[in-house]
Amino acid sequence: MTQTARSLTFKSPEETAVFAARMGMSLCPGDVVLLEGSIGSGKTHFARNLIQSLMAEPEDVPSPTFTLVQAYDTPSGEIWHCDLYRLSAAEEVDELGLTEAFDTAICLVEWPDKLGALAPETALKLTFETDPNNTEFRRVTLSWTAPKWAEKLERTA
């Protein structure tokens, strides 16, 4: 499969939140979004806004850094927000039930490098980078191989 990529620049946390909400509208169970980037690059902010945009009744969306997984029931389906930073081996991913969730839920995965070979080939990868000259700016590079993402991302424009 051919990899496709595109980059976006957001000039404020609000612009990132709007993009997250638009992307959320196109997601359905079985969609996996891998969120890469250094600490403080905007991964959790993006995930939080995407999740809240899909909730029937908005609620607090804490970072799953310590719980590893937070699951939410939404009208669009179940959402799993995962932070794999503290995992030490890819085998721990199976213990969390994450590989099954890839097929049945919308999955947002922070620190996806911890998945190793378990990372779904059909996932959309978002790589977050901060601008060294302006801490409010975020550059997000989207990359994918599965054809479904081109159509889904068209709806976010």
C-alpha atoms as a PDB file:
ATOM      1  CA  MET A   1       0.000   0.000   0.000  1.00  0.00           C
ATOM      2  CA  THR A   2       1.153   3.509  -0.768  1.00  0.00           C
ATOM      3  CA  GLN A   3       1.591   5.918   2.107  1.00  0.00           C
ATOM      4  CA  THR A   4      -0.043   9.321   1.805  1.00  0.00           C
ATOM      5  CA  ALA A   5       0.750  12.306   4.005  1.00  0.00           C
ATOM      6  CA  ARG A   6      -0.270  15.882   4.527  1.00  0.00           C
ATOM      7  CA  SER A   7       0.728  18.523   7.056  1.00  0.00           C
ATOM      8  CA  LEU A   8      -1.388  21.113   8.811  1.00  0.00           C
ATOM      9  CA  THR A   9      -0.395  24.038  11.012  1.00  0.00           C
ATOM     10  CA  PHE A  10      -2.617  25.184  13.856  1.00  0.00           C
ATOM     11  CA  LYS A  11      -1.957  28.641  15.307  1.00  0.00           C
ATOM     12  CA  SER A  12      -3.789  28.100  18.593  1.00  0.00           C
ATOM     13  CA  PRO A  13      -5.127  25.364  20.862  1.00  0.00           C
ATOM     14  CA  GLU A  14      -8.602  26.393  19.667  1.00  0.00           C
ATOM     15  CA  GLU A  15      -7.716  25.649  16.021  1.00  0.00           C
ATOM     16  CA  THR A  16      -6.446  22.228  17.084  1.00  0.00           C
ATOM     17  CA  ALA A  17      -9.708  21.630  18.997  1.00  0.00           C
ATOM     18  CA  VAL A  18     -11.825  22.549  15.960  1.00  0.00           C
ATOM     19  CA  PHE A  19      -9.851  20.146  13.767  1.00  0.00           C
ATOM     20  CA  ALA A  20     -10.218  17.385  16.378  1.00  0.00           C
ATOM     21  CA  ALA A  21     -13.999  17.871  16.497  1.00  0.00           C
ATOM     22  CA  ARG A  22     -14.249  17.800  12.690  1.00  0.00           C
ATOM     23  CA  MET A  23     -12.181  14.643  12.525  1.00  0.00           C
ATOM     24  CA  GLY A  24     -14.322  13.050  15.227  1.00  0.00           C
ATOM     25  CA  MET A  25     -17.423  13.441  13.062  1.00  0.00           C
ATOM     26  CA  SER A  26     -15.936  11.109  10.438  1.00  0.00           C
ATOM     27  CA  LEU A  27     -14.768   8.349  12.807  1.00  0.00           C
ATOM     28  CA  CYS A  28     -16.569   5.067  13.427  1.00  0.00           C
ATOM     29  CA  PRO A  29     -15.818   1.844  15.322  1.00  0.00           C
ATOM     30  CA  GLY A  30     -12.775   0.137  13.844  1.00  0.00           C
ATOM     31  CA  ASP A  31     -10.953   3.427  13.193  1.00  0.00           C
ATOM     32  CA  VAL A  32      -7.573   3.712  14.916  1.00  0.00           C
ATOM     33  CA  VAL A  33      -5.735   7.024  15.233  1.00  0.00           C
ATOM     34  CA  LEU A  34      -2.128   6.894  16.421  1.00  0.00           C
ATOM     35  CA  LEU A  35      -0.950  10.090  18.137  1.00  0.00           C
ATOM     36  CA  GLU A  36       2.816  10.634  18.055  1.00  0.00           C
ATOM     37  CA  GLY A  37       4.857  13.496  19.434  1.00  0.00           C
ATOM     38  CA  SER A  38       6.912  14.593  22.388  1.00  0.00           C
ATOM     39  CA  ILE A  39       5.466  15.419  25.801  1.00  0.00           C
ATOM     40  CA  GLY A  40       3.520  18.672  25.560  1.00  0.00           C
ATOM     41  CA  SER A  41       3.098  18.550  21.782  1.00  0.00           C
ATOM     42  CA  GLY A  42      -0.718  18.454  21.904  1.00  0.00           C
ATOM     43  CA  LYS A  43      -1.655  14.765  21.692  1.00  0.00           C
ATOM     44  CA  THR A  44      -3.883  14.726  24.778  1.00  0.00           C
ATOM     45  CA  HIS A  45      -5.413  18.118  23.948  1.00  0.00           C
ATOM     46  CA  PHE A  46      -6.375  16.781  20.526  1.00  0.00           C
ATOM     47  CA  ALA A  47      -7.776  13.508  21.923  1.00  0.00           C
ATOM     48  CA  ARG A  48      -9.714  15.268  24.702  1.00  0.00           C
ATOM     49  CA  ASN A  49     -11.413  17.627  22.243  1.00  0.00           C
ATOM     50  CA  LEU A  50     -12.215  14.857  19.779  1.00  0.00           C
ATOM     51  CA  ILE A  51     -13.788  12.726  22.526  1.00  0.00           C
ATOM     52  CA  GLN A  52     -15.763  15.606  24.035  1.00  0.00           C
ATOM     53  CA  SER A  53     -17.104  16.561  20.607  1.00  0.00           C
ATOM     54  CA  LEU A  54     -18.679  13.100  20.272  1.00  0.00           C
ATOM     55  CA  MET A  55     -20.239  12.879  23.727  1.00  0.00           C
ATOM     56  CA  ALA A  56     -23.993  13.264  24.131  1.00  0.00           C
ATOM     57  CA  GLU A  57     -23.304  15.024  27.442  1.00  0.00           C
ATOM     58  CA  PRO A  58     -19.793  16.535  27.611  1.00  0.00           C
ATOM     59  CA  GLU A  59     -17.819  15.364  30.627  1.00  0.00           C
ATOM     60  CA  ASP A  60     -14.289  15.627  31.902  1.00  0.00           C
ATOM     61  CA  VAL A  61     -11.782  13.665  29.808  1.00  0.00           C
ATOM     62  CA  PRO A  62      -8.708  13.026  31.940  1.00  0.00           C
ATOM     63  CA  SER A  63      -5.383  11.945  30.512  1.00  0.00           C
ATOM     64  CA  PRO A  64      -5.056   8.150  30.680  1.00  0.00           C
ATOM     65  CA  THR A  65      -1.368   8.384  31.645  1.00  0.00           C
ATOM     66  CA  PHE A  66      -1.888   6.435  34.869  1.00  0.00           C
ATOM     67  CA  THR A  67      -4.952   4.350  33.979  1.00  0.00           C
ATOM     68  CA  LEU A  68      -3.486   3.492  30.532  1.00  0.00           C
ATOM     69  CA  VAL A  69      -6.996   3.301  29.004  1.00  0.00           C
ATOM     70  CA  GLN A  70     -10.132   5.400  29.408  1.00  0.00           C
ATOM     71  CA  ALA A  71     -13.248   4.194  27.584  1.00  0.00           C
ATOM     72  CA  TYR A  72     -16.219   6.396  26.684  1.00  0.00           C
ATOM     73  CA  ASP A  73     -19.646   5.479  25.315  1.00  0.00           C
ATOM     74  CA  THR A  74     -20.769   7.955  22.656  1.00  0.00           C
ATOM     75  CA  PRO A  75     -23.531   8.021  20.031  1.00  0.00           C
ATOM     76  CA  SER A  76     -20.759   7.288  17.462  1.00  0.00           C
ATOM     77  CA  GLY A  77     -19.666   4.173  19.346  1.00  0.00           C
ATOM     78  CA  GLU A  78     -17.253   3.322  22.103  1.00  0.00           C
ATOM     79  CA  ILE A  79     -14.028   5.351  22.189  1.00  0.00           C
ATOM     80  CA  TRP A  80     -10.837   4.055  23.769  1.00  0.00           C
ATOM     81  CA  HIS A  81      -8.274   6.718  24.684  1.00  0.00           C
ATOM     82  CA  CYS A  82      -4.972   5.003  25.437  1.00  0.00           C
ATOM     83  CA  ASP A  83      -1.667   6.332  26.736  1.00  0.00           C
ATOM     84  CA  LEU A  84       0.980   3.655  26.355  1.00  0.00           C
ATOM     85  CA  TYR A  85       3.883   5.736  27.696  1.00  0.00           C
ATOM     86  CA  ARG A  86       4.301   3.563  30.797  1.00  0.00           C
ATOM     87  CA  LEU A  87       4.203   0.199  28.998  1.00  0.00           C
ATOM     88  CA  SER A  88       7.448  -1.713  28.970  1.00  0.00           C
ATOM     89  CA  ALA A  89       6.572  -4.442  26.451  1.00  0.00           C
ATOM     90  CA  ALA A  90       4.208  -4.824  23.505  1.00  0.00           C
ATOM     91  CA  GLU A  91       2.747  -7.963  25.144  1.00  0.00           C
ATOM     92  CA  GLU A  92       1.093  -5.674  27.722  1.00  0.00           C
ATOM     93  CA  VAL A  93      -1.096  -4.288  24.919  1.00  0.00           C
ATOM     94  CA  ASP A  94      -2.894  -7.647  24.677  1.00  0.00           C
ATOM     95  CA  GLU A  95      -3.475  -7.635  28.448  1.00  0.00           C
ATOM     96  CA  LEU A  96      -5.298  -4.297  28.092  1.00  0.00           C
ATOM     97  CA  GLY A  97      -7.648  -5.760  25.463  1.00  0.00           C
ATOM     98  CA  LEU A  98      -6.526  -3.102  23.019  1.00  0.00           C
ATOM     99  CA  THR A  99      -6.066  -5.383  20.020  1.00  0.00           C
ATOM    100  CA  GLU A 100      -9.742  -6.411  20.255  1.00  0.00           C
ATOM    101  CA  ALA A 101     -10.767  -2.761  20.664  1.00  0.00           C
ATOM    102  CA  PHE A 102      -9.040  -1.941  17.367  1.00  0.00           C
ATOM    103  CA  ASP A 103     -11.877  -3.858  15.658  1.00  0.00           C
ATOM    104  CA  THR A 104     -14.810  -2.764  17.820  1.00  0.00           C
ATOM    105  CA  ALA A 105     -14.122   0.806  19.019  1.00  0.00           C
ATOM    106  CA  ILE A 106     -12.730   4.128  17.902  1.00  0.00           C
ATOM    107  CA  CYS A 107      -9.197   4.036  19.310  1.00  0.00           C
ATOM    108  CA  LEU A 108      -6.980   7.040  20.003  1.00  0.00           C
ATOM    109  CA  VAL A 109      -3.512   5.817  20.965  1.00  0.00           C
ATOM    110  CA  GLU A 110      -0.830   8.061  22.450  1.00  0.00           C
ATOM    111  CA  TRP A 111       2.763   6.750  22.331  1.00  0.00           C
ATOM    112  CA  PRO A 112       1.923   4.217  19.585  1.00  0.00           C
ATOM    113  CA  ASP A 113       5.578   3.187  19.218  1.00  0.00           C
ATOM    114  CA  LYS A 114       4.902   0.951  22.262  1.00  0.00           C
ATOM    115  CA  LEU A 115       2.542  -1.119  20.069  1.00  0.00           C
ATOM    116  CA  GLY A 116       5.409  -2.475  18.023  1.00  0.00           C
ATOM    117  CA  ALA A 117       4.143  -4.970  15.445  1.00  0.00           C
ATOM    118  CA  LEU A 118       0.628  -4.764  16.953  1.00  0.00           C
ATOM    119  CA  ALA A 119       0.016  -1.335  15.395  1.00  0.00           C
ATOM    120  CA  PRO A 120      -2.793  -1.718  12.840  1.00  0.00           C
ATOM    121  CA  GLU A 121      -1.621  -1.178   9.264  1.00  0.00           C
ATOM    122  CA  THR A 122      -4.875   0.639   8.503  1.00  0.00           C
ATOM    123  CA  ALA A 123      -4.405   3.245  11.249  1.00  0.00           C
ATOM    124  CA  LEU A 124      -4.143   6.970  10.660  1.00  0.00           C
ATOM    125  CA  LYS A 125      -0.982   8.431  12.202  1.00  0.00           C
ATOM    126  CA  LEU A 126      -0.880  12.014  13.471  1.00  0.00           C
ATOM    127  CA  THR A 127       2.552  13.350  14.370  1.00  0.00           C
ATOM    128  CA  PHE A 128       2.465  16.471  16.552  1.00  0.00           C
ATOM    129  CA  GLU A 129       5.335  18.966  16.619  1.00  0.00           C
ATOM    130  CA  THR A 130       5.669  22.222  18.504  1.00  0.00           C
ATOM    131  CA  ASP A 131       7.051  25.355  16.871  1.00  0.00           C
ATOM    132  CA  PRO A 132      10.245  26.422  18.670  1.00  0.00           C
ATOM    133  CA  ASN A 133       9.437  30.073  17.878  1.00  0.00           C
ATOM    134  CA  ASN A 134       5.813  30.038  19.048  1.00  0.00           C
ATOM    135  CA  THR A 135       4.585  27.640  21.744  1.00  0.00           C
ATOM    136  CA  GLU A 136       0.958  28.078  20.628  1.00  0.00           C
ATOM    137  CA  PHE A 137       1.630  26.734  17.110  1.00  0.00           C
ATOM    138  CA  ARG A 138       1.348  23.023  16.299  1.00  0.00           C
ATOM    139  CA  ARG A 139       2.326  21.268  13.118  1.00  0.00           C
ATOM    140  CA  VAL A 140       0.458  18.020  12.624  1.00  0.00           C
ATOM    141  CA  THR A 141       1.518  15.571   9.935  1.00  0.00           C
ATOM    142  CA  LEU A 142      -1.151  13.056   8.973  1.00  0.00           C
ATOM    143  CA  SER A 143      -0.044   9.853   7.267  1.00  0.00           C
ATOM    144  CA  TRP A 144      -1.910   6.738   6.177  1.00  0.00           C
ATOM    145  CA  THR A 145      -1.981   3.842   3.753  1.00  0.00           C
ATOM    146  CA  ALA A 146      -5.640   2.749   4.006  1.00  0.00           C
ATOM    147  CA  PRO A 147      -7.741   4.426   1.265  1.00  0.00           C
ATOM    148  CA  LYS A 148     -10.602   5.167   3.708  1.00  0.00           C
ATOM    149  CA  TRP A 149      -8.617   7.997   5.344  1.00  0.00           C
ATOM    150  CA  ALA A 150      -8.513  10.193   2.228  1.00  0.00           C
ATOM    151  CA  GLU A 151     -12.317  10.296   2.181  1.00  0.00           C
ATOM    152  CA  LYS A 152     -12.626  10.739   5.952  1.00  0.00           C
ATOM    153  CA  LEU A 153     -10.098  13.585   5.959  1.00  0.00           C
ATOM    154  CA  GLU A 154     -11.891  15.345   3.116  1.00  0.00           C
ATOM    155  CA  ARG A 155     -14.749  15.888   5.567  1.00  0.00           C
ATOM    156  CA  THR A 156     -12.456  17.709   8.017  1.00  0.00           C
ATOM    157  CA  ALA A 157     -11.590  20.522   5.580  1.00  0.00           C
END
